[in-house]
C-alpha atoms as a PDB file:
ATOM      1  CA  MET A   1     -15.425  -6.709  -0.731  1.00  0.00           C
ATOM      2  CA  VAL A   2     -16.606  -4.370   2.188  1.00  0.00           C
ATOM      3  CA  LEU A   3     -17.644  -6.058   5.456  1.00  0.00           C
ATOM      4  CA  ASP A   4     -19.928  -4.635   7.610  1.00  0.00           C
ATOM      5  CA  SER A   5     -18.521  -4.005  11.143  1.00  0.00           C
ATOM      6  CA  PRO A   6     -20.523  -2.741  14.063  1.00  0.00           C
ATOM      7  CA  TYR A   7     -18.726  -0.618  16.575  1.00  0.00           C
ATOM      8  CA  ARG A   8     -15.268  -0.556  14.640  1.00  0.00           C
ATOM      9  CA  SER A   9     -14.955  -4.369  15.699  1.00  0.00           C
ATOM     10  CA  VAL A  10     -12.496  -5.906  13.419  1.00  0.00           C
ATOM     11  CA  LEU A  11     -11.799  -9.415  14.433  1.00  0.00           C
ATOM     12  CA  LEU A  12     -15.250 -11.186  14.607  1.00  0.00           C
ATOM     13  CA  PRO A  13     -16.359  -9.570  10.997  1.00  0.00           C
ATOM     14  CA  ILE A  14     -13.342 -11.358   9.077  1.00  0.00           C
ATOM     15  CA  LEU A  15     -13.308 -14.678  10.978  1.00  0.00           C
ATOM     16  CA  ASN A  16     -16.918 -14.877  10.103  1.00  0.00           C
ATOM     17  CA  TYR A  17     -15.860 -13.967   6.443  1.00  0.00           C
ATOM     18  CA  ILE A  18     -12.920 -16.230   6.671  1.00  0.00           C
ATOM     19  CA  ASP A  19     -15.418 -19.478   7.847  1.00  0.00           C
ATOM     20  CA  GLN A  20     -17.990 -18.914   5.150  1.00  0.00           C
ATOM     21  CA  MET A  21     -15.121 -18.930   2.471  1.00  0.00           C
ATOM     22  CA  GLU A  22     -13.695 -22.062   4.149  1.00  0.00           C
ATOM     23  CA  LYS A  23     -17.144 -23.895   3.785  1.00  0.00           C
ATOM     24  CA  GLN A  24     -17.230 -22.900   0.130  1.00  0.00           C
ATOM     25  CA  GLN A  25     -13.748 -23.918  -0.301  1.00  0.00           C
ATOM     26  CA  ASP A  26     -13.714 -27.468   1.843  1.00  0.00           C
ATOM     27  CA  GLY A  27      -9.957 -28.497   2.492  1.00  0.00           C
ATOM     28  CA  ALA A  28      -8.414 -25.421   0.341  1.00  0.00           C
ATOM     29  CA  TYR A  29      -5.634 -23.527   2.056  1.00  0.00           C
ATOM     30  CA  MET A  30      -6.293 -19.907   2.418  1.00  0.00           C
ATOM     31  CA  THR A  31      -3.991 -17.035   2.477  1.00  0.00           C
ATOM     32  CA  ILE A  32      -4.565 -13.577   4.411  1.00  0.00           C
ATOM     33  CA  ILE A  33      -2.774 -10.552   3.275  1.00  0.00           C
ATOM     34  CA  LEU A  34      -2.514  -8.517   6.285  1.00  0.00           C
ATOM     35  CA  PRO A  35      -0.264  -4.798   5.567  1.00  0.00           C
ATOM     36  CA  GLU A  36       1.462  -3.593   8.305  1.00  0.00           C
ATOM     37  CA  PHE A  37       2.603   0.034   8.942  1.00  0.00           C
ATOM     38  CA  ILE A  38       6.305   0.513   9.897  1.00  0.00           C
ATOM     39  CA  PRO A  39       6.714   3.751  11.443  1.00  0.00           C
ATOM     40  CA  ALA A  40      10.115   5.802  11.127  1.00  0.00           C
ATOM     41  CA  LYS A  41      10.288   6.088  14.964  1.00  0.00           C
ATOM     42  CA  TRP A  42      10.698   3.017  17.216  1.00  0.00           C
ATOM     43  CA  TRP A  43       7.666   4.748  19.570  1.00  0.00           C
ATOM     44  CA  GLN A  44       5.337   4.701  16.913  1.00  0.00           C
ATOM     45  CA  HIS A  45       5.107   1.119  16.413  1.00  0.00           C
ATOM     46  CA  LEU A  46       2.915   1.053  19.523  1.00  0.00           C
ATOM     47  CA  LEU A  47       0.303   3.090  17.591  1.00  0.00           C
ATOM     48  CA  HIS A  48       0.114   0.855  14.538  1.00  0.00           C
ATOM     49  CA  ASN A  49      -0.183  -2.831  13.662  1.00  0.00           C
ATOM     50  CA  GLN A  50      -2.060  -4.379  16.977  1.00  0.00           C
ATOM     51  CA  THR A  51      -5.094  -5.084  14.921  1.00  0.00           C
ATOM     52  CA  ALA A  52      -2.764  -7.005  12.462  1.00  0.00           C
ATOM     53  CA  LEU A  53      -1.294  -8.763  15.740  1.00  0.00           C
ATOM     54  CA  LEU A  54      -4.405  -9.685  16.591  1.00  0.00           C
ATOM     55  CA  ILE A  55      -5.938 -11.154  13.360  1.00  0.00           C
ATOM     56  CA  LYS A  56      -2.643 -13.443  13.073  1.00  0.00           C
ATOM     57  CA  GLY A  57      -3.034 -14.717  16.933  1.00  0.00           C
ATOM     58  CA  ALA A  58      -6.496 -15.750  16.177  1.00  0.00           C
ATOM     59  CA  LEU A  59      -5.596 -17.120  12.876  1.00  0.00           C
ATOM     60  CA  LEU A  60      -2.541 -19.257  14.542  1.00  0.00           C
ATOM     61  CA  PHE A  61      -3.971 -22.223  15.344  1.00  0.00           C
ATOM     62  CA  ARG A  62      -6.584 -22.554  12.502  1.00  0.00           C
ATOM     63  CA  ARG A  63      -5.182 -25.224  10.020  1.00  0.00           C
ATOM     64  CA  GLY A  64      -5.119 -24.455   6.133  1.00  0.00           C
ATOM     65  CA  LYS A  65      -4.966 -20.495   6.735  1.00  0.00           C
ATOM     66  CA  VAL A  66      -1.854 -18.568   6.167  1.00  0.00           C
ATOM     67  CA  ALA A  67      -1.146 -15.158   7.232  1.00  0.00           C
ATOM     68  CA  ILE A  68       1.088 -12.847   5.346  1.00  0.00           C
ATOM     69  CA  SER A  69       2.362  -9.498   6.252  1.00  0.00           C
ATOM     70  CA  ILE A  70       3.376  -7.124   3.936  1.00  0.00           C
ATOM     71  CA  PRO A  71       5.468  -4.044   5.334  1.00  0.00           C
ATOM     72  CA  TYR A  72       4.613  -0.833   4.220  1.00  0.00           C
ATOM     73  CA  HIS A  73       7.165   1.965   5.499  1.00  0.00           C
ATOM     74  CA  LEU A  74       5.913   5.490   6.734  1.00  0.00           C
ATOM     75  CA  ASP A  75       8.419   8.229   5.686  1.00  0.00           C
ATOM     76  CA  GLN A  76       7.424  10.193   9.009  1.00  0.00           C
END
């Protein structure tokens, strides 16, 4: 599914979608899978994964939501 995201906003469309799914499946657990880039150099980490961290923080205190990070190692 592709979510429209005006002004490159990622967090609000995802949270709205999660709220819609929660209304359909009342009381069910929901798993959110987040890809995370693992860069080759330590300083490159500052440029990546900020969005995943923001989404995890927004879901931290929501009951029934499980956020899973899947690492993807970059070679360069």
